[in-house]
């Protein structure tokens, strides 16, 4: 369970899943209302399942650099970086936000994978003088266009100056927090990284009370909005053989730095051999029927009967009035643009047109 579990029950949670071995609410019974709240007002999400891997100690900076593909030399205290973590073959293992905190501490804010074990193993094998733990940290997301006003009411007007992926270490009525301008939506918002798991329901109540005038309500990471915004869902939009170039993370892969890191040689070889073979792209589906939530499995995309990629998500976009999806498709087709493909669907085959992302 999470520190906010009782609060989610009281709020009427109807659907949950398991993420990072923890409960993650996915709906409160009205997905369209939750979407509208995110787009127009402000939503509160229990995302405590977004676990942290903390690395500290004399060699912390060197260790986190070895674990990521991005040049960290310019990262400042109080700044988060979106990063890729790869295996030695260049396959992407996770796409966390790496936060550089005071006291020489770093947090990897991870997607659903056992990165704590990976970080422990790599650090030990490399001989880094570090401590690797999962700290008592449980994020609570406040997302939507009115989130900034709500956070300013709670913490002060200075929070409006926090830049995206930057954060402050602070407290709310004695509740220890890290307040970061971040979240798995493109609607703006913050994540409150609670550092005392015994005070989760108290924090939830304070945010809800302050948010009443902004029409706050419960929700969850929203699949429709994230597809419209083309936010990567690690483990869904990629497969076990995907590399960062294939999932839209090329800008976060720096093979020209002096520092070594896991997968650097393999990623350089991909570039030397012409680049990625597949790319993440959008599809506009020629059908009025769309699953409201993720497919049970990745679905083949074909041209003339030949599989050219895999569809990973398909939704009805409320704002576009279209059925849209995300897919990983052969690079040459994506780069041609406006190519028509066929999709194997549970409710029969459909045609679709490849398009650029994000949709909105």
Protein backbone atom coordinates (compact mmCIF):
# COMPACT_ATOMS: atom_id res chain seq x y z
CA UNK A 1 0.00 0.00 0.00
CA UNK A 2 0.99 3.65 -0.28
CA UNK A 3 0.95 6.45 2.31
CA UNK A 4 -2.13 7.83 0.52
CA UNK A 5 -4.04 4.56 0.25
CA UNK A 6 -6.77 5.37 2.75
CA UNK A 7 -7.29 8.74 1.15
CA UNK A 8 -7.74 7.14 -2.27
CA UNK A 9 -10.29 4.72 -0.80
CA UNK A 10 -12.17 7.60 0.78
CA UNK A 11 -12.09 9.42 -2.58
CA UNK A 12 -13.77 6.46 -4.28
CA UNK A 13 -10.97 4.72 -6.17
CA UNK A 14 -12.44 2.00 -8.40
CA UNK A 15 -9.47 0.64 -10.33
CA UNK A 16 -5.89 -0.08 -9.34
CA UNK A 17 -2.85 -1.79 -10.75
CA UNK A 18 0.54 -2.87 -9.40
CA UNK A 19 3.57 -0.76 -10.31
CA UNK A 20 7.01 -1.13 -8.77
CA UNK A 21 5.44 -3.73 -6.47
CA UNK A 22 3.05 -1.10 -5.07
CA UNK A 23 -0.58 -0.17 -5.53
CA UNK A 24 -1.17 2.49 -8.20
CA UNK A 25 -4.70 3.90 -8.59
CA UNK A 26 -5.82 4.10 -12.23
CA UNK A 27 -9.38 5.43 -12.02
CA UNK A 28 -12.08 6.74 -9.71
CA UNK A 29 -14.93 5.56 -11.89
CA UNK A 30 -15.32 8.35 -14.45
CA UNK A 31 -12.39 8.49 -16.86
CA UNK A 32 -13.80 11.35 -18.92
CA UNK A 33 -14.33 13.51 -15.82
CA UNK A 34 -10.79 12.75 -14.67
CA UNK A 35 -9.48 13.76 -18.11
CA UNK A 36 -11.51 16.98 -18.12
CA UNK A 37 -10.25 17.84 -14.64
CA UNK A 38 -6.64 17.38 -15.77
CA UNK A 39 -7.13 19.50 -18.91
CA UNK A 40 -9.17 22.31 -17.35
CA UNK A 41 -8.61 22.44 -13.58
CA UNK A 42 -6.37 20.44 -11.25
CA UNK A 43 -6.08 16.78 -10.31
CA UNK A 44 -4.41 14.98 -7.40
CA UNK A 45 -2.70 11.66 -8.11
CA UNK A 46 -1.30 9.04 -5.76
CA UNK A 47 1.93 8.18 -7.60
CA UNK A 48 3.84 6.82 -4.61
CA UNK A 49 4.60 3.80 -6.81
CA UNK A 50 7.06 6.10 -8.59
CA UNK A 51 9.84 4.84 -6.33
CA UNK A 52 13.21 6.49 -5.76
CA UNK A 53 16.67 4.97 -5.86
CA UNK A 54 18.98 7.10 -3.75
CA UNK A 55 22.73 7.10 -4.34
CA UNK A 56 24.99 8.97 -1.93
CA UNK A 57 28.59 8.92 -0.82
CA UNK A 58 32.00 10.11 -2.04
CA UNK A 59 31.63 8.52 -5.49
CA UNK A 60 27.93 9.34 -6.00
CA UNK A 61 28.48 11.69 -8.95
CA UNK A 62 30.73 9.22 -10.75
CA UNK A 63 28.33 6.36 -10.08
CA UNK A 64 25.23 8.09 -11.43
CA UNK A 65 27.15 9.20 -14.51
CA UNK A 66 28.16 5.59 -15.18
CA UNK A 67 24.51 4.53 -14.87
CA UNK A 68 23.13 7.08 -17.37
CA UNK A 69 23.67 7.98 -21.02
CA UNK A 70 23.38 11.74 -20.51
CA UNK A 71 26.21 14.16 -19.75
CA UNK A 72 25.66 15.15 -16.10
CA UNK A 73 28.62 17.51 -15.79
CA UNK A 74 26.45 20.64 -15.84
CA UNK A 75 23.63 19.40 -13.59
CA UNK A 76 23.14 21.69 -10.60
CA UNK A 77 21.83 21.02 -7.12
CA UNK A 78 18.07 21.41 -7.22
CA UNK A 79 17.83 20.33 -10.86
CA UNK A 80 16.30 17.21 -12.38
CA UNK A 81 17.40 15.62 -15.65
CA UNK A 82 15.35 13.23 -17.75
CA UNK A 83 17.77 10.38 -18.45
CA UNK A 84 18.05 6.99 -20.08
CA UNK A 85 19.51 3.99 -18.28
CA UNK A 86 20.72 1.21 -20.56
CA UNK A 87 22.23 -2.25 -20.37
CA UNK A 88 25.57 -3.09 -21.94
CA UNK A 89 23.93 -3.76 -25.33
CA UNK A 90 22.34 -0.31 -25.38
CA UNK A 91 18.82 -1.53 -24.61
CA UNK A 92 16.85 0.93 -22.50
CA UNK A 93 16.19 -0.32 -18.97
CA UNK A 94 14.45 2.76 -17.57
CA UNK A 95 13.73 6.42 -18.26
CA UNK A 96 13.79 8.12 -14.84
CA UNK A 97 14.18 11.70 -13.77
CA UNK A 98 17.52 12.06 -11.99
CA UNK A 99 17.38 14.64 -9.19
CA UNK A 100 20.50 16.16 -7.65
CA UNK A 101 19.79 16.97 -4.01
CA UNK A 102 21.74 18.59 -1.20
CA UNK A 103 24.31 16.61 0.71
CA UNK A 104 25.66 14.82 -2.35
CA UNK A 105 22.50 12.75 -2.78
CA UNK A 106 20.91 11.72 -6.06
CA UNK A 107 17.46 10.24 -6.67
CA UNK A 108 16.49 8.21 -9.69
CA UNK A 109 12.70 8.58 -9.90
CA UNK A 110 12.06 5.33 -11.72
CA UNK A 111 9.51 3.65 -13.95
CA UNK A 112 8.36 0.08 -13.26
CA UNK A 113 11.57 -1.95 -13.03
CA UNK A 114 13.98 -3.30 -10.41
CA UNK A 115 16.52 -0.51 -10.83
CA UNK A 116 17.46 -0.59 -7.14
CA UNK A 117 19.00 -4.02 -7.71
CA UNK A 118 20.67 -2.89 -10.96
CA UNK A 119 22.20 0.18 -9.30
CA UNK A 120 23.42 -1.84 -6.32
CA UNK A 121 25.05 -4.42 -8.59
CA UNK A 122 26.73 -1.91 -10.89
CA UNK A 123 28.00 0.19 -8.00
CA UNK A 124 29.46 -2.84 -6.24
CA UNK A 125 31.07 -4.30 -9.36
CA UNK A 126 32.65 -0.94 -10.24
CA UNK A 127 33.93 -0.45 -6.70
CA UNK A 128 32.22 2.90 -6.12
CA UNK A 129 32.21 4.21 -2.56
CA UNK A 130 28.46 4.81 -2.41
CA UNK A 131 25.34 3.85 -0.50
CA UNK A 132 22.39 2.72 -2.63
CA UNK A 133 18.98 2.58 -0.93
CA UNK A 134 15.27 3.08 -1.52
CA UNK A 135 14.48 6.04 0.75
CA UNK A 136 11.19 6.82 2.49
CA UNK A 137 9.92 8.98 -0.38
CA UNK A 138 6.40 8.86 -1.86
CA UNK A 139 5.41 11.33 -4.61
CA UNK A 140 1.98 12.95 -4.73
CA UNK A 141 1.24 14.63 -8.08
CA UNK A 142 -0.78 17.82 -8.52
CA UNK A 143 -1.45 18.26 -12.24
CA UNK A 144 -3.43 20.62 -14.43
CA UNK A 145 -3.49 24.28 -15.52
CA UNK A 146 -4.53 25.47 -12.05
CA UNK A 147 -1.84 23.46 -10.24
CA UNK A 148 0.52 26.45 -10.11
CA UNK A 149 -2.07 28.59 -8.32
CA UNK A 150 -2.77 25.81 -5.82
CA UNK A 151 0.92 25.23 -5.08
CA UNK A 152 1.47 28.99 -4.66
CA UNK A 153 -1.35 29.07 -2.12
CA UNK A 154 0.24 26.23 -0.18
CA UNK A 155 3.94 27.12 -0.39
CA UNK A 156 4.19 30.74 -1.48
CA UNK A 157 4.47 32.84 -4.61
CA UNK A 158 8.15 31.95 -5.03
CA UNK A 159 7.09 28.53 -6.33
CA UNK A 160 5.96 30.17 -9.57
CA UNK A 161 9.64 30.73 -10.37
CA UNK A 162 10.55 27.04 -10.17
CA UNK A 163 11.51 25.90 -13.65
CA UNK A 164 10.49 22.60 -15.21
CA UNK A 165 12.32 19.65 -13.58
CA UNK A 166 13.78 21.94 -10.93
CA UNK A 167 12.86 21.51 -7.29
CA UNK A 168 13.22 22.84 -3.75
CA UNK A 169 13.64 20.98 -0.49
CA UNK A 170 10.93 22.34 1.79
CA UNK A 171 8.11 21.45 4.19
CA UNK A 172 4.37 22.00 4.61
CA UNK A 173 3.26 22.48 8.20
CA UNK A 174 6.17 20.36 9.33
CA UNK A 175 5.73 17.66 6.65
CA UNK A 176 9.13 17.19 4.95
CA UNK A 177 8.95 17.42 1.16
CA UNK A 178 10.82 17.92 -2.04
CA UNK A 179 8.66 20.08 -4.32
CA UNK A 180 9.41 19.55 -8.02
CA UNK A 181 7.81 21.08 -11.09
CA UNK A 182 7.23 17.80 -12.88
CA UNK A 183 4.65 15.12 -13.55
CA UNK A 184 3.52 12.64 -16.20
CA UNK A 185 1.37 15.10 -18.16
CA UNK A 186 1.85 18.11 -20.42
CA UNK A 187 -0.75 20.16 -18.52
CA UNK A 188 1.67 21.63 -15.99
CA UNK A 189 2.00 20.74 -12.35
CA UNK A 190 4.14 19.63 -9.47
CA UNK A 191 5.11 16.49 -7.62
CA UNK A 192 5.34 16.59 -3.84
CA UNK A 193 7.95 14.05 -2.78
CA UNK A 194 6.79 13.18 0.74
CA UNK A 195 9.68 12.15 3.00
CA UNK A 196 7.64 10.80 5.92
CA UNK A 197 5.36 7.93 4.94
CA UNK A 198 3.34 8.24 8.15
CA UNK A 199 1.92 11.60 7.01
CA UNK A 200 0.50 10.71 3.62
CA UNK A 201 -3.17 11.12 4.43
CA UNK A 202 -2.41 14.40 6.20
CA UNK A 203 -0.67 15.75 3.10
CA UNK A 204 -3.49 14.58 0.84
CA UNK A 205 -6.05 16.36 3.03
CA UNK A 206 -4.11 19.63 3.00
CA UNK A 207 -3.80 19.63 -0.78
CA UNK A 208 -7.47 18.75 -1.25
CA UNK A 209 -8.63 21.49 1.13
CA UNK A 210 -6.50 24.14 -0.60
CA UNK A 211 -7.65 22.93 -4.00
CA UNK A 212 -11.39 23.14 -3.45
CA UNK A 213 -11.64 26.57 -5.06
CA UNK A 214 -9.83 25.21 -8.12
CA UNK A 215 -12.24 22.28 -8.56
CA UNK A 216 -9.63 19.74 -7.50
CA UNK A 217 -10.48 16.07 -7.66
CA UNK A 218 -8.77 12.68 -7.68
CA UNK A 219 -7.32 11.10 -10.76
CA UNK A 220 -4.42 9.06 -12.02
CA UNK A 221 -1.75 9.22 -14.74
CA UNK A 222 -4.06 9.70 -17.70
CA UNK A 223 -3.60 7.42 -20.68
CA UNK A 224 -5.52 9.59 -23.14
CA UNK A 225 -3.62 12.77 -22.30
CA UNK A 226 -0.27 11.02 -22.30
CA UNK A 227 -0.90 9.59 -25.80
CA UNK A 228 -2.01 13.02 -27.06
CA UNK A 229 1.20 14.44 -25.57
CA UNK A 230 3.34 11.46 -26.71
CA UNK A 231 4.78 10.81 -23.25
CA UNK A 232 6.81 7.60 -23.23
CA UNK A 233 5.41 4.74 -21.17
CA UNK A 234 8.46 2.63 -20.37
CA UNK A 235 7.62 -1.06 -20.72
CA UNK A 236 4.68 -0.28 -22.99
CA UNK A 237 5.97 1.84 -25.86
CA UNK A 238 9.28 -0.01 -26.05
CA UNK A 239 10.25 -3.67 -26.11
CA UNK A 240 13.21 -5.37 -24.45
CA UNK A 241 15.39 -4.74 -27.51
CA UNK A 242 14.60 -1.02 -27.88
CA UNK A 243 17.37 1.53 -27.57
CA UNK A 244 16.93 5.20 -26.58
CA UNK A 245 17.18 6.40 -30.20
CA UNK A 246 14.08 4.36 -31.07
CA UNK A 247 11.88 5.80 -28.32
CA UNK A 248 12.48 9.52 -28.77
CA UNK A 249 15.37 9.90 -26.33
CA UNK A 250 18.22 10.59 -28.76
CA UNK A 251 18.83 14.05 -27.28
CA UNK A 252 19.63 12.41 -23.94
CA UNK A 253 22.32 10.12 -25.32
CA UNK A 254 25.78 11.70 -25.29
CA UNK A 255 28.44 9.41 -26.71
CA UNK A 256 30.94 12.25 -27.19
CA UNK A 257 31.72 12.77 -23.49
CA UNK A 258 34.92 11.53 -21.86
CA UNK A 259 33.08 9.67 -19.11
CA UNK A 260 32.24 6.03 -19.71
CA UNK A 261 28.80 4.63 -18.96
CA UNK A 262 26.87 1.40 -19.30
CA UNK A 263 25.98 0.87 -22.97
CA UNK A 264 28.14 3.68 -24.37
CA UNK A 265 30.06 1.46 -26.79
CA UNK A 266 26.90 -0.22 -28.07
CA UNK A 267 25.10 3.09 -28.56
CA UNK A 268 28.04 4.52 -30.48
CA UNK A 269 28.01 1.45 -32.72
CA UNK A 270 24.33 2.07 -33.50
CA UNK A 271 25.19 5.60 -34.62
CA UNK A 272 28.19 4.40 -36.60
CA UNK A 273 25.99 1.86 -38.42
CA UNK A 274 23.43 4.36 -39.64
CA UNK A 275 21.31 4.98 -36.57
CA UNK A 276 18.17 3.32 -35.22
CA UNK A 277 16.14 0.90 -37.32
CA UNK A 278 12.80 1.91 -35.74
CA UNK A 279 11.26 5.12 -34.45
CA UNK A 280 8.41 5.97 -32.10
CA UNK A 281 5.68 7.73 -34.05
CA UNK A 282 2.00 8.61 -34.04
CA UNK A 283 -0.85 6.93 -35.89
CA UNK A 284 -4.18 8.45 -36.83
CA UNK A 285 -6.49 5.45 -37.03
CA UNK A 286 -9.28 5.28 -39.62
CA UNK A 287 -11.84 3.99 -37.17
CA UNK A 288 -14.34 5.49 -34.77
CA UNK A 289 -13.77 2.63 -32.35
CA UNK A 290 -10.86 2.83 -29.90
CA UNK A 291 -10.02 1.11 -26.68
CA UNK A 292 -10.19 3.67 -23.88
CA UNK A 293 -7.13 2.24 -22.17
CA UNK A 294 -3.96 0.33 -23.13
CA UNK A 295 -4.05 -2.72 -25.34
CA UNK A 296 -3.50 -6.02 -23.54
CA UNK A 297 -0.39 -6.54 -25.65
CA UNK A 298 1.60 -4.84 -28.38
CA UNK A 299 -0.28 -5.12 -31.68
CA UNK A 300 1.30 -5.69 -35.13
CA UNK A 301 1.41 -2.91 -37.71
CA UNK A 302 1.65 -4.15 -41.30
CA UNK A 303 2.29 -3.01 -44.85
CA UNK A 304 1.24 -5.47 -47.58
CA UNK A 305 0.94 -8.15 -44.93
CA UNK A 306 4.50 -7.69 -43.62
CA UNK A 307 4.99 -6.62 -39.99
CA UNK A 308 6.71 -3.22 -39.96
CA UNK A 309 6.18 -2.26 -36.34
CA UNK A 310 4.09 -2.57 -33.21
CA UNK A 311 1.23 -0.45 -31.90
CA UNK A 312 1.55 0.14 -28.15
CA UNK A 313 -1.39 2.42 -27.36
CA UNK A 314 -4.64 3.51 -28.99
CA UNK A 315 -7.21 5.96 -27.60
CA UNK A 316 -9.99 8.29 -28.62
CA UNK A 317 -8.61 11.81 -28.34
CA UNK A 318 -11.28 14.00 -26.80
CA UNK A 319 -9.59 17.19 -27.95
CA UNK A 320 -8.88 16.04 -31.51
CA UNK A 321 -12.03 14.01 -32.01
CA UNK A 322 -9.94 11.25 -33.58
CA UNK A 323 -8.66 7.79 -32.78
CA UNK A 324 -4.90 8.06 -32.29
CA UNK A 325 -2.11 5.72 -31.25
CA UNK A 326 1.59 5.36 -30.60
CA UNK A 327 3.73 2.82 -32.39
CA UNK A 328 7.32 1.82 -32.96
CA UNK A 329 7.71 1.44 -36.74
CA UNK A 330 10.50 0.89 -39.23
CA UNK A 331 12.43 4.12 -39.58
CA UNK A 332 12.19 4.48 -43.37
CA UNK A 333 8.38 4.49 -43.21
CA UNK A 334 8.31 7.03 -40.39
CA UNK A 335 10.70 9.36 -42.17
CA UNK A 336 8.62 9.25 -45.37
CA UNK A 337 5.62 10.54 -43.41
CA UNK A 338 1.90 10.16 -44.13
CA UNK A 339 2.30 6.47 -44.91
CA UNK A 340 -0.80 4.27 -44.66
CA UNK A 341 -0.45 1.07 -42.65
CA UNK A 342 -2.71 -1.73 -41.43
CA UNK A 343 -3.26 -2.53 -37.76
CA UNK A 344 -4.32 -5.86 -36.28
CA UNK A 345 -7.10 -4.99 -33.85
CA UNK A 346 -9.17 -7.01 -31.42
CA UNK A 347 -12.27 -5.71 -33.21
CA UNK A 348 -10.99 -6.22 -36.73
CA UNK A 349 -8.25 -4.74 -38.87
CA UNK A 350 -8.03 -0.96 -39.36
CA UNK A 351 -5.94 1.31 -41.54
CA UNK A 352 -3.98 4.19 -40.08
CA UNK A 353 -1.70 6.99 -41.22
CA UNK A 354 1.73 7.60 -39.73
CA UNK A 355 2.08 11.09 -38.27
CA UNK A 356 4.50 13.17 -36.23
CA UNK A 357 4.25 13.39 -32.44
CA UNK A 358 3.19 14.90 -30.16
CA UNK A 359 -0.36 15.11 -31.44
CA UNK A 360 -1.03 18.14 -29.22
